[in-house]
Amino acid sequence: MANVTTLMEEVRTARDEGREPPYHFIEVMACKGGCIGGGGQPYHTDEEVRRKRVAGIYTDDEKSTVRCSHQNPEIIQIYKDYLGEPLSHKSHALLHTEYQSRPLYQK
C-alpha cells in the first residue's frame, strides 16, 4: 500500500502537465500476502497456509513455459483469428471495462 501514493502522484503529475499518464490501469490488492489467502473466498487461512500458497505460485510460475500473456500461443491465435490487433476496437469492446460507481452494499 505504501507505493500507491507514489503511483498516484505520478499519474496526477502527468495529467496536470498535459502528458499521458505512465499507467493505463492500476490495481491495488490490500490483502495480506496479495489475496493469497483466497480473495473473495469466505474462509480464513493462517500464516502457514498463505506461505505455502505463495511458495506454490512461485514454483508454478518458475516451471511455466509461457510466463508473459503476450507470448502465450493461445492469446496470439485469438488475436490473429478473431480480435485483430491489441487495443483494436473489437478487443477493446470485448476485453476492457470501465469503473462504474455503485452504491455501498447494505445488509
PDB file of N, CA and C in Angstrom:
ATOM      1  N   MET A   1       0.819  -1.187   0.000  1.00  0.00           N
ATOM      2  CA  MET A   1       0.000   0.000   0.000  1.00  0.00           C
ATOM      3  C   MET A   1       0.866   1.255   0.000  1.00  0.00           C
ATOM      4  N   ALA A   2       2.086   1.144   0.479  1.00  0.00           N
ATOM      5  CA  ALA A   2       2.939   2.323   0.577  1.00  0.00           C
ATOM      6  C   ALA A   2       3.226   2.934  -0.788  1.00  0.00           C
ATOM      7  N   ASN A   3       3.267   2.129  -1.832  1.00  0.00           N
ATOM      8  CA  ASN A   3       3.590   2.642  -3.165  1.00  0.00           C
ATOM      9  C   ASN A   3       2.404   3.259  -3.888  1.00  0.00           C
ATOM     10  N   VAL A   4       1.204   3.086  -3.367  1.00  0.00           N
ATOM     11  CA  VAL A   4       0.018   3.628  -4.033  1.00  0.00           C
ATOM     12  C   VAL A   4       0.115   5.141  -4.152  1.00  0.00           C
ATOM     13  N   THR A   5       0.527   5.805  -3.075  1.00  0.00           N
ATOM     14  CA  THR A   5       0.641   7.262  -3.094  1.00  0.00           C
ATOM     15  C   THR A   5       1.627   7.712  -4.161  1.00  0.00           C
ATOM     16  N   THR A   6       2.756   7.046  -4.255  1.00  0.00           N
ATOM     17  CA  THR A   6       3.762   7.391  -5.265  1.00  0.00           C
ATOM     18  C   THR A   6       3.206   7.209  -6.674  1.00  0.00           C
ATOM     19  N   LEU A   7       2.539   6.092  -6.925  1.00  0.00           N
ATOM     20  CA  LEU A   7       1.952   5.840  -8.248  1.00  0.00           C
ATOM     21  C   LEU A   7       0.908   6.894  -8.602  1.00  0.00           C
ATOM     22  N   MET A   8       0.053   7.217  -7.647  1.00  0.00           N
ATOM     23  CA  MET A   8      -0.995   8.200  -7.916  1.00  0.00           C
ATOM     24  C   MET A   8      -0.400   9.580  -8.179  1.00  0.00           C
ATOM     25  N   GLU A   9       0.662   9.925  -7.487  1.00  0.00           N
ATOM     26  CA  GLU A   9       1.329  11.205  -7.740  1.00  0.00           C
ATOM     27  C   GLU A   9       1.903  11.252  -9.154  1.00  0.00           C
ATOM     28  N   GLU A  10       2.475  10.151  -9.617  1.00  0.00           N
ATOM     29  CA  GLU A  10       2.986  10.093 -10.990  1.00  0.00           C
ATOM     30  C   GLU A  10       1.865  10.325 -11.993  1.00  0.00           C
ATOM     31  N   VAL A  11       0.730   9.711 -11.755  1.00  0.00           N
ATOM     32  CA  VAL A  11      -0.419   9.869 -12.652  1.00  0.00           C
ATOM     33  C   VAL A  11      -0.921  11.307 -12.610  1.00  0.00           C
ATOM     34  N   ARG A  12      -1.086  11.862 -11.412  1.00  0.00           N
ATOM     35  CA  ARG A  12      -1.574  13.246 -11.279  1.00  0.00           C
ATOM     36  C   ARG A  12      -0.618  14.244 -11.921  1.00  0.00           C
ATOM     37  N   THR A  13       0.672  14.069 -11.681  1.00  0.00           N
ATOM     38  CA  THR A  13       1.669  14.982 -12.247  1.00  0.00           C
ATOM     39  C   THR A  13       1.615  14.956 -13.770  1.00  0.00           C
ATOM     40  N   ALA A  14       1.573  13.771 -14.349  1.00  0.00           N
ATOM     41  CA  ALA A  14       1.487  13.655 -15.812  1.00  0.00           C
ATOM     42  C   ALA A  14       0.224  14.330 -16.320  1.00  0.00           C
ATOM     43  N   ARG A  15      -0.896  14.075 -15.669  1.00  0.00           N
ATOM     44  CA  ARG A  15      -2.166  14.674 -16.084  1.00  0.00           C
ATOM     45  C   ARG A  15      -2.093  16.198 -15.997  1.00  0.00           C
ATOM     46  N   ASP A  16      -1.585  16.720 -14.872  1.00  0.00           N
ATOM     47  CA  ASP A  16      -1.508  18.166 -14.668  1.00  0.00           C
ATOM     48  C   ASP A  16      -0.569  18.842 -15.659  1.00  0.00           C
ATOM     49  N   GLU A  17       0.434  18.105 -16.137  1.00  0.00           N
ATOM     50  CA  GLU A  17       1.384  18.647 -17.117  1.00  0.00           C
ATOM     51  C   GLU A  17       0.940  18.389 -18.553  1.00  0.00           C
ATOM     52  N   GLY A  18      -0.239  17.795 -18.718  1.00  0.00           N
ATOM     53  CA  GLY A  18      -0.767  17.538 -20.059  1.00  0.00           C
ATOM     54  C   GLY A  18      -0.121  16.354 -20.752  1.00  0.00           C
ATOM     55  N   ARG A  19       0.560  15.501 -19.995  1.00  0.00           N
ATOM     56  CA  ARG A  19       1.195  14.319 -20.570  1.00  0.00           C
ATOM     57  C   ARG A  19       0.315  13.098 -20.374  1.00  0.00           C
ATOM     58  N   GLU A  20       0.602  12.072 -21.156  1.00  0.00           N
ATOM     59  CA  GLU A  20      -0.075  10.782 -20.995  1.00  0.00           C
ATOM     60  C   GLU A  20       0.394  10.168 -19.675  1.00  0.00           C
ATOM     61  N   PRO A  21      -0.522   9.756 -18.805  1.00  0.00           N
ATOM     62  CA  PRO A  21      -0.093   9.113 -17.557  1.00  0.00           C
ATOM     63  C   PRO A  21       0.744   7.865 -17.850  1.00  0.00           C
ATOM     64  N   PRO A  22       1.695   7.557 -16.974  1.00  0.00           N
ATOM     65  CA  PRO A  22       2.584   6.419 -17.218  1.00  0.00           C
ATOM     66  C   PRO A  22       1.906   5.058 -17.072  1.00  0.00           C
ATOM     67  N   TYR A  23       0.680   5.048 -16.574  1.00  0.00           N
ATOM     68  CA  TYR A  23      -0.038   3.789 -16.377  1.00  0.00           C
ATOM     69  C   TYR A  23      -1.437   3.906 -16.960  1.00  0.00           C
ATOM     70  N   HIS A  24      -1.925   2.837 -17.539  1.00  0.00           N
ATOM     71  CA  HIS A  24      -3.291   2.800 -18.056  1.00  0.00           C
ATOM     72  C   HIS A  24      -4.240   2.198 -17.034  1.00  0.00           C
ATOM     73  N   PHE A  25      -3.698   1.411 -16.134  1.00  0.00           N
ATOM     74  CA  PHE A  25      -4.523   0.699 -15.163  1.00  0.00           C
ATOM     75  C   PHE A  25      -3.686   0.431 -13.922  1.00  0.00           C
ATOM     76  N   ILE A  26      -4.259   0.683 -12.775  1.00  0.00           N
ATOM     77  CA  ILE A  26      -3.581   0.382 -11.515  1.00  0.00           C
ATOM     78  C   ILE A  26      -4.533  -0.450 -10.676  1.00  0.00           C
ATOM     79  N   GLU A  27      -4.097  -1.621 -10.292  1.00  0.00           N
ATOM     80  CA  GLU A  27      -4.891  -2.473  -9.418  1.00  0.00           C
ATOM     81  C   GLU A  27      -4.189  -2.551  -8.073  1.00  0.00           C
ATOM     82  N   VAL A  28      -4.932  -2.301  -7.034  1.00  0.00           N
ATOM     83  CA  VAL A  28      -4.373  -2.338  -5.690  1.00  0.00           C
ATOM     84  C   VAL A  28      -4.952  -3.539  -4.954  1.00  0.00           C
ATOM     85  N   MET A  29      -4.069  -4.362  -4.463  1.00  0.00           N
ATOM     86  CA  MET A  29      -4.503  -5.502  -3.649  1.00  0.00           C
ATOM     87  C   MET A  29      -3.997  -5.255  -2.237  1.00  0.00           C
ATOM     88  N   ALA A  30      -4.911  -5.051  -1.314  1.00  0.00           N
ATOM     89  CA  ALA A  30      -4.537  -4.712   0.052  1.00  0.00           C
ATOM     90  C   ALA A  30      -4.536  -5.915   0.983  1.00  0.00           C
ATOM     91  N   CYS A  31      -4.793  -7.078   0.455  1.00  0.00           N
ATOM     92  CA  CYS A  31      -4.831  -8.274   1.301  1.00  0.00           C
ATOM     93  C   CYS A  31      -3.421  -8.665   1.736  1.00  0.00           C
ATOM     94  N   LYS A  32      -3.307  -9.137   2.942  1.00  0.00           N
ATOM     95  CA  LYS A  32      -2.019  -9.632   3.414  1.00  0.00           C
ATOM     96  C   LYS A  32      -1.606 -10.806   2.531  1.00  0.00           C
ATOM     97  N   GLY A  33      -0.436 -10.729   1.946  1.00  0.00           N
ATOM     98  CA  GLY A  33       0.018 -11.790   1.054  1.00  0.00           C
ATOM     99  C   GLY A  33      -0.570 -11.674  -0.337  1.00  0.00           C
ATOM    100  N   GLY A  34      -1.156 -10.510  -0.695  1.00  0.00           N
ATOM    101  CA  GLY A  34      -1.702 -10.306  -2.036  1.00  0.00           C
ATOM    102  C   GLY A  34      -2.900 -11.174  -2.330  1.00  0.00           C
ATOM    103  N   CYS A  35      -3.802 -11.316  -1.392  1.00  0.00           N
ATOM    104  CA  CYS A  35      -5.021 -12.125  -1.538  1.00  0.00           C
ATOM    105  C   CYS A  35      -4.698 -13.602  -1.739  1.00  0.00           C
ATOM    106  N   ILE A  36      -3.525 -14.005  -1.372  1.00  0.00           N
ATOM    107  CA  ILE A  36      -3.147 -15.412  -1.497  1.00  0.00           C
ATOM    108  C   ILE A  36      -3.953 -16.260  -0.530  1.00  0.00           C
ATOM    109  N   GLY A  37      -4.572 -15.594   0.440  1.00  0.00           N
ATOM    110  CA  GLY A  37      -5.445 -16.295   1.366  1.00  0.00           C
ATOM    111  C   GLY A  37      -6.759 -16.665   0.720  1.00  0.00           C
ATOM    112  N   GLY A  38      -6.928 -16.330  -0.550  1.00  0.00           N
ATOM    113  CA  GLY A  38      -8.143 -16.700  -1.254  1.00  0.00           C
ATOM    114  C   GLY A  38      -9.087 -15.540  -1.418  1.00  0.00           C
ATOM    115  N   GLY A  39      -8.674 -14.507  -2.134  1.00  0.00           N
ATOM    116  CA  GLY A  39      -9.522 -13.341  -2.338  1.00  0.00           C
ATOM    117  C   GLY A  39     -10.926 -13.738  -2.760  1.00  0.00           C
ATOM    118  N   GLY A  40     -11.919 -13.200  -2.081  1.00  0.00           N
ATOM    119  CA  GLY A  40     -13.301 -13.498  -2.411  1.00  0.00           C
ATOM    120  C   GLY A  40     -13.802 -14.796  -1.820  1.00  0.00           C
ATOM    121  N   GLN A  41     -12.950 -15.496  -1.127  1.00  0.00           N
ATOM    122  CA  GLN A  41     -13.362 -16.763  -0.526  1.00  0.00           C
ATOM    123  C   GLN A  41     -13.775 -16.521   0.928  1.00  0.00           C
ATOM    124  N   PRO A  42     -14.842 -17.154   1.375  1.00  0.00           N
ATOM    125  CA  PRO A  42     -15.409 -16.839   2.684  1.00  0.00           C
ATOM    126  C   PRO A  42     -14.708 -17.475   3.878  1.00  0.00           C
ATOM    127  N   TYR A  43     -13.622 -18.190   3.663  1.00  0.00           N
ATOM    128  CA  TYR A  43     -12.972 -18.835   4.802  1.00  0.00           C
ATOM    129  C   TYR A  43     -11.605 -18.219   5.050  1.00  0.00           C
ATOM    130  N   HIS A  44     -11.152 -18.324   6.273  1.00  0.00           N
ATOM    131  CA  HIS A  44      -9.880 -17.720   6.673  1.00  0.00           C
ATOM    132  C   HIS A  44      -8.755 -18.748   6.601  1.00  0.00           C
ATOM    133  N   THR A  45      -7.551 -18.236   6.446  1.00  0.00           N
ATOM    134  CA  THR A  45      -6.379 -19.112   6.460  1.00  0.00           C
ATOM    135  C   THR A  45      -5.383 -18.548   7.458  1.00  0.00           C
ATOM    136  N   ASP A  46      -4.492 -19.380   7.909  1.00  0.00           N
ATOM    137  CA  ASP A  46      -3.454 -18.879   8.804  1.00  0.00           C
ATOM    138  C   ASP A  46      -2.198 -18.564   7.990  1.00  0.00           C
ATOM    139  N   GLU A  47      -1.222 -18.013   8.674  1.00  0.00           N
ATOM    140  CA  GLU A  47       0.006 -17.566   8.009  1.00  0.00           C
ATOM    141  C   GLU A  47       0.722 -18.709   7.292  1.00  0.00           C
ATOM    142  N   GLU A  48       0.750 -19.896   7.870  1.00  0.00           N
ATOM    143  CA  GLU A  48       1.427 -21.042   7.259  1.00  0.00           C
ATOM    144  C   GLU A  48       0.767 -21.440   5.939  1.00  0.00           C
ATOM    145  N   VAL A  49      -0.554 -21.439   5.891  1.00  0.00           N
ATOM    146  CA  VAL A  49      -1.282 -21.763   4.655  1.00  0.00           C
ATOM    147  C   VAL A  49      -0.958 -20.722   3.590  1.00  0.00           C
ATOM    148  N   ARG A  50      -0.974 -19.439   3.962  1.00  0.00           N
ATOM    149  CA  ARG A  50      -0.650 -18.381   2.989  1.00  0.00           C
ATOM    150  C   ARG A  50       0.772 -18.542   2.471  1.00  0.00           C
ATOM    151  N   ARG A  51       1.710 -18.837   3.356  1.00  0.00           N
ATOM    152  CA  ARG A  51       3.114 -19.004   2.958  1.00  0.00           C
ATOM    153  C   ARG A  51       3.262 -20.154   1.958  1.00  0.00           C
ATOM    154  N   LYS A  52       2.571 -21.257   2.212  1.00  0.00           N
ATOM    155  CA  LYS A  52       2.638 -22.408   1.300  1.00  0.00           C
ATOM    156  C   LYS A  52       1.999 -22.083  -0.050  1.00  0.00           C
ATOM    157  N   ARG A  53       0.905 -21.343  -0.038  1.00  0.00           N
ATOM    158  CA  ARG A  53       0.272 -20.953  -1.305  1.00  0.00           C
ATOM    159  C   ARG A  53       1.186 -20.047  -2.117  1.00  0.00           C
ATOM    160  N   VAL A  54       1.827 -19.091  -1.444  1.00  0.00           N
ATOM    161  CA  VAL A  54       2.775 -18.206  -2.140  1.00  0.00           C
ATOM    162  C   VAL A  54       3.898 -19.037  -2.755  1.00  0.00           C
ATOM    163  N   ALA A  55       4.463 -19.952  -1.987  1.00  0.00           N
ATOM    164  CA  ALA A  55       5.552 -20.800  -2.496  1.00  0.00           C
ATOM    165  C   ALA A  55       5.081 -21.614  -3.695  1.00  0.00           C
ATOM    166  N   GLY A  56       3.868 -22.144  -3.632  1.00  0.00           N
ATOM    167  CA  GLY A  56       3.325 -22.919  -4.749  1.00  0.00           C
ATOM    168  C   GLY A  56       3.157 -22.092  -6.004  1.00  0.00           C
ATOM    169  N   ILE A  57       2.682 -20.866  -5.842  1.00  0.00           N
ATOM    170  CA  ILE A  57       2.503 -19.983  -7.005  1.00  0.00           C
ATOM    171  C   ILE A  57       3.850 -19.659  -7.635  1.00  0.00           C
ATOM    172  N   TYR A  58       4.857 -19.338  -6.818  1.00  0.00           N
ATOM    173  CA  TYR A  58       6.183 -19.045  -7.359  1.00  0.00           C
ATOM    174  C   TYR A  58       6.776 -20.267  -8.058  1.00  0.00           C
ATOM    175  N   THR A  59       6.599 -21.436  -7.482  1.00  0.00           N
ATOM    176  CA  THR A  59       7.099 -22.670  -8.100  1.00  0.00           C
ATOM    177  C   THR A  59       6.426 -22.911  -9.444  1.00  0.00           C
ATOM    178  N   ASP A  60       5.101 -22.786  -9.485  1.00  0.00           N
ATOM    179  CA  ASP A  60       4.373 -22.965 -10.751  1.00  0.00           C
ATOM    180  C   ASP A  60       4.840 -21.966 -11.798  1.00  0.00           C
ATOM    181  N   ASP A  61       5.045 -20.710 -11.383  1.00  0.00           N
ATOM    182  CA  ASP A  61       5.476 -19.678 -12.323  1.00  0.00           C
ATOM    183  C   ASP A  61       6.866 -19.984 -12.874  1.00  0.00           C
ATOM    184  N   GLU A  62       7.773 -20.407 -12.016  1.00  0.00           N
ATOM    185  CA  GLU A  62       9.134 -20.724 -12.461  1.00  0.00           C
ATOM    186  C   GLU A  62       9.164 -21.878 -13.455  1.00  0.00           C
ATOM    187  N   LYS A  63       8.258 -22.836 -13.306  1.00  0.00           N
ATOM    188  CA  LYS A  63       8.213 -24.002 -14.187  1.00  0.00           C
ATOM    189  C   LYS A  63       7.439 -23.734 -15.479  1.00  0.00           C
ATOM    190  N   SER A  64       6.700 -22.662 -15.515  1.00  0.00           N
ATOM    191  CA  SER A  64       5.828 -22.371 -16.650  1.00  0.00           C
ATOM    192  C   SER A  64       6.644 -22.064 -17.908  1.00  0.00           C
ATOM    193  N   THR A  65       6.234 -22.625 -19.036  1.00  0.00           N
ATOM    194  CA  THR A  65       6.935 -22.356 -20.294  1.00  0.00           C
ATOM    195  C   THR A  65       6.548 -20.996 -20.859  1.00  0.00           C
ATOM    196  N   VAL A  66       5.333 -20.541 -20.580  1.00  0.00           N
ATOM    197  CA  VAL A  66       4.879 -19.216 -21.019  1.00  0.00           C
ATOM    198  C   VAL A  66       4.640 -18.388 -19.772  1.00  0.00           C
ATOM    199  N   ARG A  67       5.427 -17.323 -19.619  1.00  0.00           N
ATOM    200  CA  ARG A  67       5.320 -16.516 -18.404  1.00  0.00           C
ATOM    201  C   ARG A  67       4.770 -15.128 -18.673  1.00  0.00           C
ATOM    202  N   CYS A  68       4.578 -14.781 -19.928  1.00  0.00           N
ATOM    203  CA  CYS A  68       4.026 -13.469 -20.284  1.00  0.00           C
ATOM    204  C   CYS A  68       2.818 -13.686 -21.182  1.00  0.00           C
ATOM    205  N   SER A  69       1.719 -13.029 -20.868  1.00  0.00           N
ATOM    206  CA  SER A  69       0.484 -13.272 -21.623  1.00  0.00           C
ATOM    207  C   SER A  69       0.638 -12.959 -23.107  1.00  0.00           C
ATOM    208  N   HIS A  70       1.421 -11.926 -23.444  1.00  0.00           N
ATOM    209  CA  HIS A  70       1.570 -11.567 -24.860  1.00  0.00           C
ATOM    210  C   HIS A  70       2.412 -12.587 -25.641  1.00  0.00           C
ATOM    211  N   GLN A  71       3.039 -13.534 -24.933  1.00  0.00           N
ATOM    212  CA  GLN A  71       3.795 -14.597 -25.597  1.00  0.00           C
ATOM    213  C   GLN A  71       3.032 -15.919 -25.604  1.00  0.00           C
ATOM    214  N   ASN A  72       1.848 -15.930 -25.045  1.00  0.00           N
ATOM    215  CA  ASN A  72       1.034 -17.138 -24.968  1.00  0.00           C
ATOM    216  C   ASN A  72       0.496 -17.472 -26.357  1.00  0.00           C
ATOM    217  N   PRO A  73       0.808 -18.653 -26.902  1.00  0.00           N
ATOM    218  CA  PRO A  73       0.353 -19.012 -28.253  1.00  0.00           C
ATOM    219  C   PRO A  73      -1.167 -18.942 -28.417  1.00  0.00           C
ATOM    220  N   GLU A  74      -1.913 -19.265 -27.378  1.00  0.00           N
ATOM    221  CA  GLU A  74      -3.373 -19.208 -27.474  1.00  0.00           C
ATOM    222  C   GLU A  74      -3.869 -17.770 -27.576  1.00  0.00           C
ATOM    223  N   ILE A  75      -3.250 -16.871 -26.831  1.00  0.00           N
ATOM    224  CA  ILE A  75      -3.617 -15.453 -26.909  1.00  0.00           C
ATOM    225  C   ILE A  75      -3.250 -14.905 -28.284  1.00  0.00           C
ATOM    226  N   ILE A  76      -2.079 -15.249 -28.766  1.00  0.00           N
ATOM    227  CA  ILE A  76      -1.647 -14.811 -30.102  1.00  0.00           C
ATOM    228  C   ILE A  76      -2.643 -15.291 -31.153  1.00  0.00           C
ATOM    229  N   GLN A  77      -3.079 -16.539 -31.043  1.00  0.00           N
ATOM    230  CA  GLN A  77      -4.039 -17.105 -32.001  1.00  0.00           C
ATOM    231  C   GLN A  77      -5.398 -16.408 -31.927  1.00  0.00           C
ATOM    232  N   ILE A  78      -5.869 -16.108 -30.730  1.00  0.00           N
ATOM    233  CA  ILE A  78      -7.157 -15.410 -30.582  1.00  0.00           C
ATOM    234  C   ILE A  78      -7.100 -14.051 -31.264  1.00  0.00           C
ATOM    235  N   TYR A  79      -5.998 -13.327 -31.071  1.00  0.00           N
ATOM    236  CA  TYR A  79      -5.866 -12.027 -31.740  1.00  0.00           C
ATOM    237  C   TYR A  79      -5.798 -12.202 -33.252  1.00  0.00           C
ATOM    238  N   LYS A  80      -5.051 -13.195 -33.703  1.00  0.00           N
ATOM    239  CA  LYS A  80      -4.905 -13.434 -35.143  1.00  0.00           C
ATOM    240  C   LYS A  80      -6.238 -13.794 -35.784  1.00  0.00           C
ATOM    241  N   ASP A  81      -6.984 -14.708 -35.157  1.00  0.00           N
ATOM    242  CA  ASP A  81      -8.216 -15.227 -35.753  1.00  0.00           C
ATOM    243  C   ASP A  81      -9.455 -14.385 -35.490  1.00  0.00           C
ATOM    244  N   TYR A  82      -9.463 -13.638 -34.395  1.00  0.00           N
ATOM    245  CA  TYR A  82     -10.724 -13.012 -34.010  1.00  0.00           C
ATOM    246  C   TYR A  82     -10.623 -11.538 -33.614  1.00  0.00           C
ATOM    247  N   LEU A  83      -9.667 -11.190 -32.769  1.00  0.00           N
ATOM    248  CA  LEU A  83      -9.645  -9.838 -32.217  1.00  0.00           C
ATOM    249  C   LEU A  83      -8.881  -8.818 -33.054  1.00  0.00           C
ATOM    250  N   GLY A  84      -8.027  -9.281 -33.938  1.00  0.00           N
ATOM    251  CA  GLY A  84      -7.199  -8.343 -34.693  1.00  0.00           C
ATOM    252  C   GLY A  84      -6.007  -7.926 -33.844  1.00  0.00           C
ATOM    253  N   GLU A  85      -5.714  -6.650 -33.829  1.00  0.00           N
ATOM    254  CA  GLU A  85      -4.568  -6.131 -33.087  1.00  0.00           C
ATOM    255  C   GLU A  85      -4.930  -5.847 -31.629  1.00  0.00           C
ATOM    256  N   PRO A  86      -3.942  -5.915 -30.732  1.00  0.00           N
ATOM    257  CA  PRO A  86      -4.200  -5.461 -29.365  1.00  0.00           C
ATOM    258  C   PRO A  86      -4.650  -3.998 -29.387  1.00  0.00           C
ATOM    259  N   LEU A  87      -5.606  -3.684 -28.555  1.00  0.00           N
ATOM    260  CA  LEU A  87      -6.214  -2.354 -28.445  1.00  0.00           C
ATOM    261  C   LEU A  87      -7.046  -1.975 -29.664  1.00  0.00           C
ATOM    262  N   SER A  88      -7.359  -2.951 -30.518  1.00  0.00           N
ATOM    263  CA  SER A  88      -8.273  -2.679 -31.628  1.00  0.00           C
ATOM    264  C   SER A  88      -9.657  -2.403 -31.057  1.00  0.00           C
ATOM    265  N   HIS A  89     -10.552  -1.875 -31.882  1.00  0.00           N
ATOM    266  CA  HIS A  89     -11.911  -1.578 -31.421  1.00  0.00           C
ATOM    267  C   HIS A  89     -12.571  -2.837 -30.864  1.00  0.00           C
ATOM    268  N   LYS A  90     -12.426  -3.942 -31.581  1.00  0.00           N
ATOM    269  CA  LYS A  90     -13.072  -5.188 -31.158  1.00  0.00           C
ATOM    270  C   LYS A  90     -12.497  -5.691 -29.830  1.00  0.00           C
ATOM    271  N   SER A  91     -11.174  -5.707 -29.718  1.00  0.00           N
ATOM    272  CA  SER A  91     -10.577  -6.194 -28.470  1.00  0.00           C
ATOM    273  C   SER A  91     -10.921  -5.264 -27.312  1.00  0.00           C
ATOM    274  N   HIS A  92     -10.943  -3.974 -27.577  1.00  0.00           N
ATOM    275  CA  HIS A  92     -11.299  -3.021 -26.521  1.00  0.00           C
ATOM    276  C   HIS A  92     -12.743  -3.232 -26.067  1.00  0.00           C
ATOM    277  N   ALA A  93     -13.646  -3.398 -27.024  1.00  0.00           N
ATOM    278  CA  ALA A  93     -15.062  -3.578 -26.694  1.00  0.00           C
ATOM    279  C   ALA A  93     -15.295  -4.867 -25.900  1.00  0.00           C
ATOM    280  N   LEU A  94     -14.532  -5.906 -26.196  1.00  0.00           N
ATOM    281  CA  LEU A  94     -14.761  -7.199 -25.549  1.00  0.00           C
ATOM    282  C   LEU A  94     -13.943  -7.433 -24.279  1.00  0.00           C
ATOM    283  N   LEU A  95     -12.782  -6.803 -24.187  1.00  0.00           N
ATOM    284  CA  LEU A  95     -11.874  -7.127 -23.088  1.00  0.00           C
ATOM    285  C   LEU A  95     -11.699  -6.028 -22.046  1.00  0.00           C
ATOM    286  N   HIS A  96     -12.158  -4.829 -22.329  1.00  0.00           N
ATOM    287  CA  HIS A  96     -11.944  -3.711 -21.410  1.00  0.00           C
ATOM    288  C   HIS A  96     -13.234  -3.353 -20.689  1.00  0.00           C
ATOM    289  N   THR A  97     -13.072  -2.766 -19.540  1.00  0.00           N
ATOM    290  CA  THR A  97     -14.225  -2.332 -18.759  1.00  0.00           C
ATOM    291  C   THR A  97     -13.942  -0.943 -18.203  1.00  0.00           C
ATOM    292  N   GLU A  98     -14.939  -0.330 -17.650  1.00  0.00           N
ATOM    293  CA  GLU A  98     -14.785   0.990 -17.051  1.00  0.00           C
ATOM    294  C   GLU A  98     -15.347   0.958 -15.643  1.00  0.00           C
ATOM    295  N   TYR A  99     -14.838   1.834 -14.832  1.00  0.00           N
ATOM    296  CA  TYR A  99     -15.334   1.949 -13.472  1.00  0.00           C
ATOM    297  C   TYR A  99     -16.774   2.432 -13.498  1.00  0.00           C
ATOM    298  N   GLN A 100     -17.598   1.811 -12.698  1.00  0.00           N
ATOM    299  CA  GLN A 100     -18.982   2.244 -12.540  1.00  0.00           C
ATOM    300  C   GLN A 100     -19.246   2.412 -11.058  1.00  0.00           C
ATOM    301  N   SER A 101     -19.585   3.626 -10.673  1.00  0.00           N
ATOM    302  CA  SER A 101     -19.891   3.887  -9.276  1.00  0.00           C
ATOM    303  C   SER A 101     -21.168   3.146  -8.901  1.00  0.00           C
ATOM    304  N   ARG A 102     -21.107   2.453  -7.800  1.00  0.00           N
ATOM    305  CA  ARG A 102     -22.269   1.700  -7.330  1.00  0.00           C
ATOM    306  C   ARG A 102     -22.489   2.014  -5.863  1.00  0.00           C
ATOM    307  N   PRO A 103     -23.740   1.943  -5.437  1.00  0.00           N
ATOM    308  CA  PRO A 103     -23.999   2.238  -4.028  1.00  0.00           C
ATOM    309  C   PRO A 103     -23.374   1.172  -3.129  1.00  0.00           C
ATOM    310  N   LEU A 104     -23.030   1.589  -1.929  1.00  0.00           N
ATOM    311  CA  LEU A 104     -22.455   0.681  -0.953  1.00  0.00           C
ATOM    312  C   LEU A 104     -23.465  -0.390  -0.590  1.00  0.00           C
ATOM    313  N   TYR A 105     -23.007  -1.618  -0.557  1.00  0.00           N
ATOM    314  CA  TYR A 105     -23.892  -2.739  -0.221  1.00  0.00           C
ATOM    315  C   TYR A 105     -24.324  -2.625   1.235  1.00  0.00           C
ATOM    316  N   GLN A 106     -25.593  -2.717   1.459  1.00  0.00           N
ATOM    317  CA  GLN A 106     -26.144  -2.673   2.819  1.00  0.00           C
ATOM    318  C   GLN A 106     -26.751  -4.024   3.152  1.00  0.00           C
ATOM    319  N   LYS A 107     -26.437  -4.574   4.321  1.00  0.00           N
ATOM    320  CA  LYS A 107     -27.029  -5.847   4.744  1.00  0.00           C
ATOM    321  C   LYS A 107     -28.474  -5.648   5.132  1.00  0.00           C
TER     322      LYS A 107
END
